[in-house]
Amino acid sequence: VREEVLGREHPDTLSSVYCLAHMLATLCDYKESLNLYNRACDGYSVVLGEHHSTTRACRQHHSEVLLSCKQS
């Protein structure tokens, strides 16, 4: 719903995508989590910039999920 109203790269939409990615990682659905982290990170890079703290946190969590995939 947020995406339809606010747009794909609106910060609130990206925040929802980011939270969903985190939840899916917690549930060990790494493949879908990584897809959503990629989308959120790419969007944050465009909207907030590569060096913004939110973009960096997103990339860090994405990396942690990648490590979890390799360990499982």
Foldseek 3Di string as FASTA:
>chain_A
DCCVVPNQLDPVNLVVLLVVLVVCVVVVVLVSSLVSLVSSLVSCCVVVNCPDPVSVVSVVVSVVSVVVVVVD
